[in-house]
N, C-alpha and C. Protein backbone atom coordinates (compact mmCIF):
# COMPACT_ATOMS: atom_id res chain seq x y z
N MET A 1 -4.84 41.26 13.52
CA MET A 1 -5.53 40.12 12.91
C MET A 1 -5.79 40.42 11.44
N SER A 2 -5.50 39.48 10.57
CA SER A 2 -5.70 39.69 9.15
C SER A 2 -7.17 39.62 8.79
N ALA A 3 -7.53 40.34 7.75
CA ALA A 3 -8.93 40.35 7.30
C ALA A 3 -9.28 39.00 6.69
N PRO A 4 -10.52 38.57 6.86
CA PRO A 4 -10.92 37.29 6.26
C PRO A 4 -10.83 37.35 4.74
N ILE A 5 -10.45 36.24 4.16
CA ILE A 5 -10.35 36.17 2.70
C ILE A 5 -11.74 36.13 2.09
N GLU A 6 -12.00 37.05 1.19
CA GLU A 6 -13.32 37.13 0.58
C GLU A 6 -13.49 36.00 -0.44
N THR A 7 -14.62 35.35 -0.35
CA THR A 7 -14.93 34.27 -1.30
C THR A 7 -15.67 34.86 -2.49
N THR A 8 -15.10 34.69 -3.66
CA THR A 8 -15.73 35.16 -4.88
C THR A 8 -16.44 34.00 -5.55
N PRO A 9 -17.39 34.28 -6.44
CA PRO A 9 -18.03 33.17 -7.17
C PRO A 9 -17.03 32.29 -7.89
N ARG A 10 -15.98 32.91 -8.44
CA ARG A 10 -14.98 32.13 -9.17
C ARG A 10 -14.19 31.22 -8.22
N SER A 11 -13.76 31.78 -7.07
CA SER A 11 -13.00 30.95 -6.13
C SER A 11 -13.86 29.85 -5.53
N GLN A 12 -15.15 30.16 -5.32
CA GLN A 12 -16.05 29.13 -4.79
C GLN A 12 -16.27 28.02 -5.82
N ALA A 13 -16.40 28.41 -7.08
CA ALA A 13 -16.58 27.41 -8.14
C ALA A 13 -15.34 26.52 -8.24
N LYS A 14 -14.16 27.13 -8.07
CA LYS A 14 -12.92 26.35 -8.12
C LYS A 14 -12.85 25.37 -6.96
N ALA A 15 -13.22 25.85 -5.76
CA ALA A 15 -13.22 24.97 -4.59
C ALA A 15 -14.23 23.84 -4.74
N ASP A 16 -15.39 24.17 -5.32
CA ASP A 16 -16.41 23.14 -5.54
C ASP A 16 -15.93 22.09 -6.54
N ARG A 17 -15.24 22.53 -7.60
CA ARG A 17 -14.73 21.60 -8.60
C ARG A 17 -13.65 20.71 -8.00
N ARG A 18 -12.79 21.28 -7.17
CA ARG A 18 -11.76 20.48 -6.50
C ARG A 18 -12.41 19.42 -5.61
N SER A 19 -13.42 19.83 -4.86
CA SER A 19 -14.13 18.89 -3.99
C SER A 19 -14.79 17.78 -4.80
N ALA A 20 -15.38 18.14 -5.95
CA ALA A 20 -16.03 17.15 -6.80
C ALA A 20 -15.01 16.16 -7.35
N LEU A 21 -13.83 16.66 -7.71
CA LEU A 21 -12.78 15.78 -8.22
C LEU A 21 -12.29 14.81 -7.15
N LEU A 22 -12.15 15.30 -5.92
CA LEU A 22 -11.70 14.43 -4.83
C LEU A 22 -12.76 13.39 -4.49
N SER A 23 -14.02 13.79 -4.53
CA SER A 23 -15.10 12.84 -4.28
C SER A 23 -15.13 11.76 -5.35
N ALA A 24 -14.98 12.19 -6.61
CA ALA A 24 -14.94 11.22 -7.71
C ALA A 24 -13.73 10.30 -7.57
N ALA A 25 -12.59 10.86 -7.17
CA ALA A 25 -11.38 10.06 -7.01
C ALA A 25 -11.57 9.00 -5.93
N ALA A 26 -12.19 9.38 -4.82
CA ALA A 26 -12.42 8.41 -3.74
C ALA A 26 -13.24 7.23 -4.25
N THR A 27 -14.29 7.53 -5.01
CA THR A 27 -15.15 6.47 -5.53
C THR A 27 -14.42 5.59 -6.54
N LEU A 28 -13.75 6.24 -7.49
CA LEU A 28 -13.09 5.48 -8.56
C LEU A 28 -11.88 4.70 -8.05
N PHE A 29 -11.06 5.32 -7.20
CA PHE A 29 -9.90 4.60 -6.65
C PHE A 29 -10.36 3.43 -5.80
N SER A 30 -11.46 3.63 -5.08
CA SER A 30 -11.99 2.54 -4.24
C SER A 30 -12.45 1.37 -5.10
N GLN A 31 -13.10 1.68 -6.21
CA GLN A 31 -13.65 0.63 -7.07
C GLN A 31 -12.57 -0.07 -7.91
N SER A 32 -11.63 0.71 -8.46
CA SER A 32 -10.71 0.16 -9.46
C SER A 32 -9.25 0.20 -9.06
N GLY A 33 -8.95 0.82 -7.91
CA GLY A 33 -7.56 0.97 -7.52
C GLY A 33 -6.92 2.17 -8.22
N PHE A 34 -5.90 2.73 -7.60
CA PHE A 34 -5.23 3.91 -8.15
C PHE A 34 -4.74 3.67 -9.57
N ASN A 35 -4.12 2.52 -9.79
CA ASN A 35 -3.55 2.23 -11.10
C ASN A 35 -4.60 1.93 -12.17
N GLY A 36 -5.83 1.67 -11.75
CA GLY A 36 -6.88 1.34 -12.70
C GLY A 36 -7.72 2.53 -13.14
N VAL A 37 -7.33 3.73 -12.70
CA VAL A 37 -8.11 4.94 -12.99
C VAL A 37 -7.21 5.92 -13.75
N SER A 38 -7.75 6.52 -14.80
CA SER A 38 -7.00 7.51 -15.58
C SER A 38 -7.47 8.92 -15.24
N ILE A 39 -6.68 9.89 -15.66
CA ILE A 39 -7.09 11.30 -15.51
C ILE A 39 -8.40 11.55 -16.24
N GLU A 40 -8.56 10.92 -17.40
CA GLU A 40 -9.81 11.08 -18.16
C GLU A 40 -10.99 10.51 -17.38
N ASP A 41 -10.78 9.40 -16.70
CA ASP A 41 -11.84 8.83 -15.86
C ASP A 41 -12.24 9.81 -14.75
N LEU A 42 -11.24 10.40 -14.11
CA LEU A 42 -11.52 11.35 -13.03
C LEU A 42 -12.31 12.55 -13.55
N GLY A 43 -11.84 13.09 -14.66
CA GLY A 43 -12.54 14.24 -15.22
C GLY A 43 -13.97 13.92 -15.58
N ALA A 44 -14.18 12.79 -16.26
CA ALA A 44 -15.53 12.41 -16.67
C ALA A 44 -16.45 12.24 -15.47
N ALA A 45 -15.93 11.64 -14.38
CA ALA A 45 -16.76 11.42 -13.20
C ALA A 45 -17.13 12.72 -12.51
N ALA A 46 -16.28 13.75 -12.68
CA ALA A 46 -16.55 15.05 -12.05
C ALA A 46 -17.20 16.03 -13.02
N GLY A 47 -17.44 15.59 -14.26
CA GLY A 47 -18.12 16.44 -15.22
C GLY A 47 -17.23 17.43 -15.94
N VAL A 48 -15.92 17.11 -16.02
CA VAL A 48 -15.01 17.97 -16.76
C VAL A 48 -14.18 17.10 -17.69
N SER A 49 -13.43 17.74 -18.60
CA SER A 49 -12.55 16.98 -19.48
C SER A 49 -11.31 16.54 -18.70
N GLY A 50 -10.63 15.53 -19.21
CA GLY A 50 -9.41 15.08 -18.57
C GLY A 50 -8.39 16.20 -18.38
N PRO A 51 -8.08 16.97 -19.44
CA PRO A 51 -7.10 18.05 -19.30
C PRO A 51 -7.52 19.11 -18.26
N ALA A 52 -8.82 19.29 -18.05
CA ALA A 52 -9.27 20.28 -17.07
C ALA A 52 -8.89 19.90 -15.64
N VAL A 53 -8.63 18.63 -15.41
CA VAL A 53 -8.21 18.19 -14.07
C VAL A 53 -6.91 18.88 -13.69
N TYR A 54 -6.05 19.15 -14.70
CA TYR A 54 -4.74 19.74 -14.43
C TYR A 54 -4.83 21.19 -13.98
N ARG A 55 -6.00 21.80 -14.07
CA ARG A 55 -6.17 23.14 -13.52
C ARG A 55 -6.21 23.10 -12.00
N HIS A 56 -6.47 21.93 -11.45
CA HIS A 56 -6.60 21.77 -9.99
C HIS A 56 -5.49 20.93 -9.38
N PHE A 57 -4.98 19.98 -10.14
CA PHE A 57 -3.96 19.06 -9.63
C PHE A 57 -2.90 18.83 -10.70
N SER A 58 -1.66 18.62 -10.28
CA SER A 58 -0.57 18.43 -11.24
C SER A 58 -0.61 17.07 -11.92
N GLY A 59 -1.36 16.14 -11.35
CA GLY A 59 -1.47 14.81 -11.93
C GLY A 59 -2.28 13.90 -11.02
N LYS A 60 -2.39 12.65 -11.43
CA LYS A 60 -3.21 11.70 -10.68
C LYS A 60 -2.65 11.45 -9.28
N GLN A 61 -1.32 11.41 -9.17
CA GLN A 61 -0.72 11.18 -7.86
C GLN A 61 -1.00 12.34 -6.91
N ALA A 62 -1.08 13.55 -7.45
CA ALA A 62 -1.42 14.72 -6.64
C ALA A 62 -2.87 14.65 -6.15
N VAL A 63 -3.75 14.07 -6.95
CA VAL A 63 -5.13 13.88 -6.52
C VAL A 63 -5.17 12.91 -5.34
N LEU A 64 -4.45 11.81 -5.45
CA LEU A 64 -4.40 10.84 -4.35
C LEU A 64 -3.82 11.47 -3.10
N ALA A 65 -2.76 12.27 -3.25
CA ALA A 65 -2.15 12.93 -2.10
C ALA A 65 -3.14 13.86 -1.43
N ALA A 66 -3.83 14.67 -2.21
CA ALA A 66 -4.80 15.60 -1.63
C ALA A 66 -5.90 14.85 -0.90
N LEU A 67 -6.36 13.75 -1.48
CA LEU A 67 -7.43 12.96 -0.86
C LEU A 67 -7.00 12.45 0.51
N LEU A 68 -5.82 11.83 0.59
CA LEU A 68 -5.40 11.20 1.83
C LEU A 68 -4.85 12.20 2.84
N ILE A 69 -4.19 13.25 2.38
CA ILE A 69 -3.71 14.27 3.31
C ILE A 69 -4.87 15.06 3.88
N ASP A 70 -5.82 15.44 3.04
CA ASP A 70 -6.98 16.20 3.53
C ASP A 70 -7.72 15.44 4.62
N VAL A 71 -7.98 14.15 4.39
CA VAL A 71 -8.76 13.40 5.37
C VAL A 71 -7.95 13.20 6.65
N SER A 72 -6.63 13.05 6.53
CA SER A 72 -5.79 12.90 7.73
C SER A 72 -5.78 14.20 8.54
N GLN A 73 -5.70 15.32 7.85
CA GLN A 73 -5.75 16.61 8.54
C GLN A 73 -7.10 16.82 9.22
N ASP A 74 -8.17 16.40 8.55
CA ASP A 74 -9.50 16.55 9.13
C ASP A 74 -9.64 15.71 10.40
N LEU A 75 -9.07 14.50 10.38
CA LEU A 75 -9.14 13.65 11.57
C LEU A 75 -8.38 14.28 12.73
N VAL A 76 -7.19 14.79 12.47
CA VAL A 76 -6.41 15.41 13.53
C VAL A 76 -7.12 16.64 14.09
N ALA A 77 -7.60 17.50 13.21
CA ALA A 77 -8.29 18.71 13.66
C ALA A 77 -9.56 18.37 14.42
N GLY A 78 -10.32 17.40 13.89
CA GLY A 78 -11.55 17.00 14.56
C GLY A 78 -11.29 16.36 15.92
N GLY A 79 -10.24 15.53 15.99
CA GLY A 79 -9.90 14.90 17.25
C GLY A 79 -9.51 15.92 18.31
N HIS A 80 -8.69 16.89 17.92
CA HIS A 80 -8.30 17.95 18.86
C HIS A 80 -9.51 18.75 19.32
N ALA A 81 -10.43 19.04 18.40
CA ALA A 81 -11.62 19.79 18.76
C ALA A 81 -12.46 19.02 19.78
N VAL A 82 -12.60 17.72 19.57
CA VAL A 82 -13.37 16.88 20.50
C VAL A 82 -12.75 16.93 21.89
N VAL A 83 -11.44 16.75 21.97
CA VAL A 83 -10.77 16.70 23.28
C VAL A 83 -10.82 18.05 23.98
N SER A 84 -10.73 19.12 23.21
CA SER A 84 -10.72 20.45 23.83
C SER A 84 -12.06 20.85 24.42
N GLU A 85 -13.11 20.14 24.05
CA GLU A 85 -14.45 20.52 24.49
C GLU A 85 -14.82 19.94 25.85
N THR A 86 -13.98 19.09 26.43
CA THR A 86 -14.29 18.52 27.74
C THR A 86 -13.01 18.26 28.51
N THR A 87 -13.08 18.42 29.83
CA THR A 87 -11.93 18.13 30.69
C THR A 87 -12.04 16.75 31.30
N ASP A 88 -13.15 16.08 31.10
CA ASP A 88 -13.35 14.74 31.65
C ASP A 88 -12.81 13.71 30.66
N ALA A 89 -11.85 12.90 31.09
CA ALA A 89 -11.18 11.97 30.19
C ALA A 89 -12.12 10.93 29.62
N ALA A 90 -12.98 10.35 30.46
CA ALA A 90 -13.89 9.32 29.98
C ALA A 90 -14.86 9.89 28.96
N ALA A 91 -15.36 11.09 29.23
CA ALA A 91 -16.28 11.74 28.28
C ALA A 91 -15.55 12.06 26.98
N ALA A 92 -14.29 12.50 27.07
CA ALA A 92 -13.52 12.80 25.86
C ALA A 92 -13.31 11.54 25.03
N LEU A 93 -13.04 10.42 25.71
CA LEU A 93 -12.83 9.16 24.97
C LEU A 93 -14.12 8.72 24.28
N ARG A 94 -15.24 8.85 24.96
CA ARG A 94 -16.52 8.49 24.33
C ARG A 94 -16.79 9.36 23.11
N GLU A 95 -16.47 10.65 23.22
CA GLU A 95 -16.70 11.55 22.08
C GLU A 95 -15.74 11.25 20.94
N LEU A 96 -14.50 10.86 21.26
CA LEU A 96 -13.57 10.46 20.20
C LEU A 96 -14.10 9.23 19.46
N VAL A 97 -14.66 8.30 20.21
CA VAL A 97 -15.24 7.10 19.58
C VAL A 97 -16.38 7.49 18.66
N ARG A 98 -17.27 8.33 19.13
CA ARG A 98 -18.40 8.78 18.29
C ARG A 98 -17.89 9.48 17.03
N PHE A 99 -16.88 10.32 17.22
CA PHE A 99 -16.30 11.06 16.10
C PHE A 99 -15.73 10.09 15.06
N HIS A 100 -14.99 9.09 15.52
CA HIS A 100 -14.36 8.18 14.56
C HIS A 100 -15.38 7.24 13.93
N VAL A 101 -16.38 6.82 14.67
CA VAL A 101 -17.43 5.99 14.08
C VAL A 101 -18.12 6.76 12.96
N HIS A 102 -18.42 8.02 13.22
CA HIS A 102 -19.05 8.85 12.18
C HIS A 102 -18.14 8.94 10.95
N PHE A 103 -16.86 9.16 11.17
CA PHE A 103 -15.91 9.21 10.06
C PHE A 103 -15.91 7.90 9.28
N ALA A 104 -15.80 6.78 9.98
CA ALA A 104 -15.70 5.49 9.31
C ALA A 104 -16.93 5.17 8.49
N LEU A 105 -18.10 5.50 9.02
CA LEU A 105 -19.33 5.20 8.30
C LEU A 105 -19.60 6.18 7.17
N SER A 106 -19.00 7.36 7.25
CA SER A 106 -19.22 8.39 6.23
C SER A 106 -18.20 8.35 5.10
N ASN A 107 -17.08 7.65 5.32
CA ASN A 107 -15.99 7.69 4.34
C ASN A 107 -15.47 6.30 3.98
N PRO A 108 -16.35 5.37 3.64
CA PRO A 108 -15.86 4.02 3.35
C PRO A 108 -14.92 3.96 2.16
N ASP A 109 -15.17 4.78 1.13
CA ASP A 109 -14.30 4.75 -0.05
C ASP A 109 -12.89 5.23 0.30
N VAL A 110 -12.80 6.30 1.08
CA VAL A 110 -11.49 6.83 1.45
C VAL A 110 -10.71 5.81 2.27
N ILE A 111 -11.40 5.10 3.16
CA ILE A 111 -10.72 4.08 3.97
C ILE A 111 -10.18 2.97 3.08
N ARG A 112 -10.96 2.55 2.09
CA ARG A 112 -10.47 1.52 1.16
C ARG A 112 -9.24 2.01 0.40
N VAL A 113 -9.29 3.25 -0.06
CA VAL A 113 -8.16 3.81 -0.80
C VAL A 113 -6.92 3.89 0.09
N GLN A 114 -7.11 4.34 1.31
CA GLN A 114 -5.99 4.41 2.27
C GLN A 114 -5.37 3.03 2.46
N ASP A 115 -6.20 2.03 2.65
CA ASP A 115 -5.70 0.67 2.88
C ASP A 115 -4.90 0.15 1.70
N ARG A 116 -5.37 0.43 0.49
CA ARG A 116 -4.82 -0.21 -0.69
C ARG A 116 -3.76 0.63 -1.41
N ASP A 117 -3.92 1.95 -1.39
CA ASP A 117 -3.11 2.77 -2.30
C ASP A 117 -2.17 3.75 -1.62
N LEU A 118 -2.01 3.66 -0.31
CA LEU A 118 -1.09 4.58 0.38
C LEU A 118 0.31 4.51 -0.23
N ASP A 119 0.76 3.33 -0.59
CA ASP A 119 2.10 3.17 -1.12
C ASP A 119 2.25 3.76 -2.52
N SER A 120 1.15 4.16 -3.15
CA SER A 120 1.23 4.81 -4.46
C SER A 120 1.57 6.29 -4.35
N LEU A 121 1.57 6.83 -3.13
CA LEU A 121 1.94 8.23 -2.94
C LEU A 121 3.43 8.41 -3.13
N ALA A 122 3.81 9.63 -3.49
CA ALA A 122 5.23 10.00 -3.46
C ALA A 122 5.72 9.90 -2.02
N GLU A 123 7.01 9.67 -1.86
CA GLU A 123 7.55 9.42 -0.52
C GLU A 123 7.24 10.56 0.45
N ALA A 124 7.39 11.81 0.01
CA ALA A 124 7.14 12.95 0.90
C ALA A 124 5.69 13.00 1.34
N ASP A 125 4.78 12.74 0.41
CA ASP A 125 3.36 12.77 0.75
C ASP A 125 2.99 11.61 1.67
N ARG A 126 3.57 10.44 1.42
CA ARG A 126 3.31 9.29 2.28
C ARG A 126 3.82 9.56 3.70
N HIS A 127 4.98 10.21 3.79
CA HIS A 127 5.54 10.56 5.10
C HIS A 127 4.62 11.54 5.82
N ARG A 128 4.08 12.50 5.08
CA ARG A 128 3.17 13.48 5.70
C ARG A 128 1.92 12.81 6.23
N VAL A 129 1.35 11.89 5.46
CA VAL A 129 0.16 11.16 5.92
C VAL A 129 0.50 10.37 7.18
N ARG A 130 1.64 9.70 7.18
CA ARG A 130 2.04 8.91 8.34
C ARG A 130 2.22 9.78 9.58
N LEU A 131 2.80 10.96 9.42
CA LEU A 131 2.96 11.87 10.56
C LEU A 131 1.61 12.30 11.12
N LEU A 132 0.68 12.62 10.23
CA LEU A 132 -0.65 13.02 10.67
C LEU A 132 -1.36 11.86 11.37
N GLN A 133 -1.22 10.67 10.84
CA GLN A 133 -1.82 9.51 11.46
C GLN A 133 -1.24 9.29 12.85
N ARG A 134 0.08 9.45 12.97
CA ARG A 134 0.73 9.27 14.27
C ARG A 134 0.23 10.31 15.27
N GLU A 135 0.05 11.54 14.82
CA GLU A 135 -0.46 12.58 15.70
C GLU A 135 -1.86 12.23 16.19
N TYR A 136 -2.68 11.68 15.30
CA TYR A 136 -4.04 11.29 15.67
C TYR A 136 -4.01 10.15 16.69
N VAL A 137 -3.16 9.16 16.47
CA VAL A 137 -3.04 8.05 17.42
C VAL A 137 -2.61 8.58 18.79
N GLU A 138 -1.60 9.45 18.80
CA GLU A 138 -1.08 9.93 20.08
C GLU A 138 -2.11 10.78 20.82
N LEU A 139 -2.99 11.45 20.09
CA LEU A 139 -4.08 12.18 20.73
C LEU A 139 -4.95 11.21 21.53
N TRP A 140 -5.28 10.07 20.92
CA TRP A 140 -6.06 9.05 21.61
C TRP A 140 -5.29 8.47 22.80
N VAL A 141 -4.02 8.23 22.61
CA VAL A 141 -3.21 7.64 23.67
C VAL A 141 -3.16 8.57 24.88
N GLU A 142 -3.04 9.88 24.65
CA GLU A 142 -3.02 10.82 25.76
C GLU A 142 -4.31 10.77 26.56
N VAL A 143 -5.44 10.64 25.87
CA VAL A 143 -6.72 10.53 26.57
C VAL A 143 -6.80 9.19 27.31
N LEU A 144 -6.34 8.13 26.66
CA LEU A 144 -6.34 6.81 27.31
C LEU A 144 -5.48 6.79 28.57
N LYS A 145 -4.37 7.51 28.57
CA LYS A 145 -3.51 7.59 29.76
C LYS A 145 -4.24 8.26 30.91
N ARG A 146 -5.12 9.19 30.61
CA ARG A 146 -5.91 9.83 31.66
C ARG A 146 -7.01 8.90 32.15
N VAL A 147 -7.55 8.08 31.26
CA VAL A 147 -8.59 7.13 31.66
C VAL A 147 -8.00 5.97 32.44
N HIS A 148 -6.81 5.52 32.04
CA HIS A 148 -6.12 4.40 32.68
C HIS A 148 -4.75 4.87 33.17
N PRO A 149 -4.70 5.67 34.23
CA PRO A 149 -3.44 6.27 34.65
C PRO A 149 -2.35 5.27 35.03
N SER A 150 -2.71 4.07 35.41
CA SER A 150 -1.70 3.08 35.76
C SER A 150 -1.39 2.13 34.59
N GLY A 151 -2.00 2.37 33.44
CA GLY A 151 -1.82 1.50 32.29
C GLY A 151 -0.47 1.69 31.62
N ASP A 152 0.04 0.64 31.04
CA ASP A 152 1.28 0.69 30.28
C ASP A 152 1.03 1.43 28.96
N GLU A 153 1.85 2.44 28.67
CA GLU A 153 1.60 3.28 27.49
C GLU A 153 1.64 2.49 26.19
N ALA A 154 2.55 1.53 26.09
CA ALA A 154 2.63 0.72 24.87
C ALA A 154 1.35 -0.09 24.67
N LEU A 155 0.79 -0.61 25.78
CA LEU A 155 -0.45 -1.38 25.67
C LEU A 155 -1.63 -0.47 25.34
N LEU A 156 -1.62 0.74 25.87
CA LEU A 156 -2.69 1.69 25.54
C LEU A 156 -2.64 2.05 24.06
N ARG A 157 -1.44 2.14 23.52
CA ARG A 157 -1.30 2.44 22.09
C ARG A 157 -1.84 1.28 21.25
N ILE A 158 -1.61 0.06 21.73
CA ILE A 158 -2.16 -1.11 21.05
C ILE A 158 -3.69 -1.07 21.10
N ARG A 159 -4.24 -0.66 22.22
CA ARG A 159 -5.71 -0.52 22.32
C ARG A 159 -6.22 0.46 21.26
N ALA A 160 -5.53 1.59 21.13
CA ALA A 160 -5.96 2.60 20.16
C ALA A 160 -5.90 2.04 18.74
N HIS A 161 -4.79 1.41 18.39
CA HIS A 161 -4.65 0.85 17.04
C HIS A 161 -5.69 -0.24 16.78
N ALA A 162 -5.95 -1.07 17.78
CA ALA A 162 -6.94 -2.13 17.62
C ALA A 162 -8.33 -1.55 17.39
N THR A 163 -8.61 -0.46 18.07
CA THR A 163 -9.91 0.20 17.90
C THR A 163 -10.05 0.77 16.49
N PHE A 164 -8.99 1.39 15.99
CA PHE A 164 -9.04 1.90 14.62
C PHE A 164 -9.24 0.74 13.63
N GLY A 165 -8.55 -0.37 13.88
CA GLY A 165 -8.73 -1.53 13.01
C GLY A 165 -10.16 -2.02 12.99
N LEU A 166 -10.77 -2.04 14.18
CA LEU A 166 -12.17 -2.46 14.28
C LEU A 166 -13.09 -1.52 13.51
N LEU A 167 -12.95 -0.23 13.77
CA LEU A 167 -13.87 0.74 13.15
C LEU A 167 -13.60 0.92 11.66
N ASN A 168 -12.34 0.87 11.26
CA ASN A 168 -12.02 1.07 9.85
C ASN A 168 -12.28 -0.17 9.00
N SER A 169 -12.70 -1.26 9.64
CA SER A 169 -13.08 -2.45 8.87
C SER A 169 -14.51 -2.34 8.36
N THR A 170 -15.24 -1.33 8.80
CA THR A 170 -16.66 -1.22 8.46
C THR A 170 -16.94 -1.07 6.97
N PRO A 171 -16.04 -0.47 6.15
CA PRO A 171 -16.34 -0.44 4.71
C PRO A 171 -16.48 -1.82 4.11
N HIS A 172 -15.88 -2.82 4.76
CA HIS A 172 -15.93 -4.18 4.24
C HIS A 172 -17.05 -5.01 4.88
N SER A 173 -17.63 -4.49 5.98
CA SER A 173 -18.60 -5.31 6.71
C SER A 173 -19.95 -4.65 6.94
N ALA A 174 -19.96 -3.34 7.19
CA ALA A 174 -21.20 -2.67 7.59
C ALA A 174 -21.91 -2.08 6.39
N ARG A 175 -22.50 -2.91 5.59
CA ARG A 175 -23.20 -2.43 4.39
C ARG A 175 -24.48 -1.69 4.74
N THR A 176 -24.97 -1.87 5.97
CA THR A 176 -26.19 -1.18 6.41
C THR A 176 -25.82 -0.06 7.37
N SER A 177 -24.76 0.66 7.04
CA SER A 177 -24.19 1.62 7.97
C SER A 177 -25.11 2.79 8.29
N ALA A 178 -26.16 3.00 7.52
CA ALA A 178 -27.08 4.10 7.81
C ALA A 178 -27.96 3.79 9.01
N GLN A 179 -28.03 2.54 9.39
CA GLN A 179 -28.90 2.16 10.49
C GLN A 179 -28.29 2.58 11.82
N PRO A 180 -29.06 3.25 12.68
CA PRO A 180 -28.54 3.65 14.00
C PRO A 180 -28.02 2.47 14.81
N ALA A 181 -28.59 1.30 14.62
CA ALA A 181 -28.14 0.14 15.38
C ALA A 181 -26.69 -0.20 15.08
N VAL A 182 -26.26 -0.01 13.83
CA VAL A 182 -24.87 -0.29 13.47
C VAL A 182 -23.94 0.68 14.16
N ARG A 183 -24.31 1.95 14.15
CA ARG A 183 -23.50 2.97 14.81
C ARG A 183 -23.37 2.66 16.30
N ALA A 184 -24.49 2.32 16.93
CA ALA A 184 -24.48 2.02 18.37
C ALA A 184 -23.62 0.79 18.66
N LEU A 185 -23.72 -0.23 17.81
CA LEU A 185 -22.92 -1.44 18.01
C LEU A 185 -21.43 -1.14 17.91
N LEU A 186 -21.04 -0.37 16.90
CA LEU A 186 -19.64 -0.03 16.73
C LEU A 186 -19.11 0.77 17.92
N GLU A 187 -19.90 1.71 18.41
CA GLU A 187 -19.48 2.49 19.57
C GLU A 187 -19.32 1.59 20.79
N GLU A 188 -20.25 0.67 21.00
CA GLU A 188 -20.17 -0.24 22.13
C GLU A 188 -18.92 -1.11 22.06
N MET A 189 -18.63 -1.67 20.89
CA MET A 189 -17.46 -2.53 20.74
C MET A 189 -16.16 -1.74 20.90
N ALA A 190 -16.13 -0.52 20.37
CA ALA A 190 -14.92 0.30 20.49
C ALA A 190 -14.66 0.66 21.95
N LEU A 191 -15.69 1.03 22.67
CA LEU A 191 -15.51 1.37 24.09
C LEU A 191 -15.03 0.16 24.88
N ALA A 192 -15.55 -1.02 24.54
CA ALA A 192 -15.10 -2.22 25.23
C ALA A 192 -13.62 -2.47 24.94
N ALA A 193 -13.21 -2.26 23.70
CA ALA A 193 -11.80 -2.46 23.34
C ALA A 193 -10.89 -1.48 24.08
N LEU A 194 -11.43 -0.32 24.38
CA LEU A 194 -10.66 0.73 25.06
C LEU A 194 -10.74 0.62 26.57
N GLY A 195 -11.49 -0.36 27.06
CA GLY A 195 -11.59 -0.57 28.50
C GLY A 195 -12.48 0.43 29.19
N LEU A 196 -13.52 0.87 28.49
CA LEU A 196 -14.44 1.86 29.06
C LEU A 196 -15.86 1.36 28.85
N PRO A 197 -16.64 1.22 29.93
CA PRO A 197 -18.03 0.76 29.75
C PRO A 197 -18.82 1.77 28.92
N SER A 198 -19.75 1.27 28.13
CA SER A 198 -20.61 2.17 27.35
C SER A 198 -21.51 2.91 28.33
N ALA A 199 -21.83 4.15 27.97
CA ALA A 199 -22.64 5.00 28.87
C ALA A 199 -24.06 4.47 28.95
């Protein structure tokens, strides 16, 4: 087993700056669109000069790629972690719903950027995001097949996509997303769409 990589103050500062740039990019791209934001805008929002952005990313398109690839990887990893924690299919599906509701309510800017600016990615990066998204969908479909063993797989996939559409619409509708009632309502509607009664 390899030794853990030691975190130095310099490497931590670099990671923090990268995170700040991605957070600023999510906000700015959400507000103005990818084409409406400059490198100078990104730097200013993160507290650095425009040229300093190039120490972390090769350009604006690389910032967008990192933003959308990172969040797609996080969804896949988080989804697998949720499923691995229980052998009960219904419980796994409920936890997947909770996981995605939390994601949707915590990342409204990223969802807007994904909806509007995915096509601004380079082809290879767009393909990578699509592959990760497909892996995430199929994770849900596998759980749905266990919940509905006699269900048609194509229809179960439609259920999964419809649920994502419902939950990912919240950046446009759930302005009071901090309220527990909104979270509970979204979970209830998602479970109904998936054919599973709320607990």
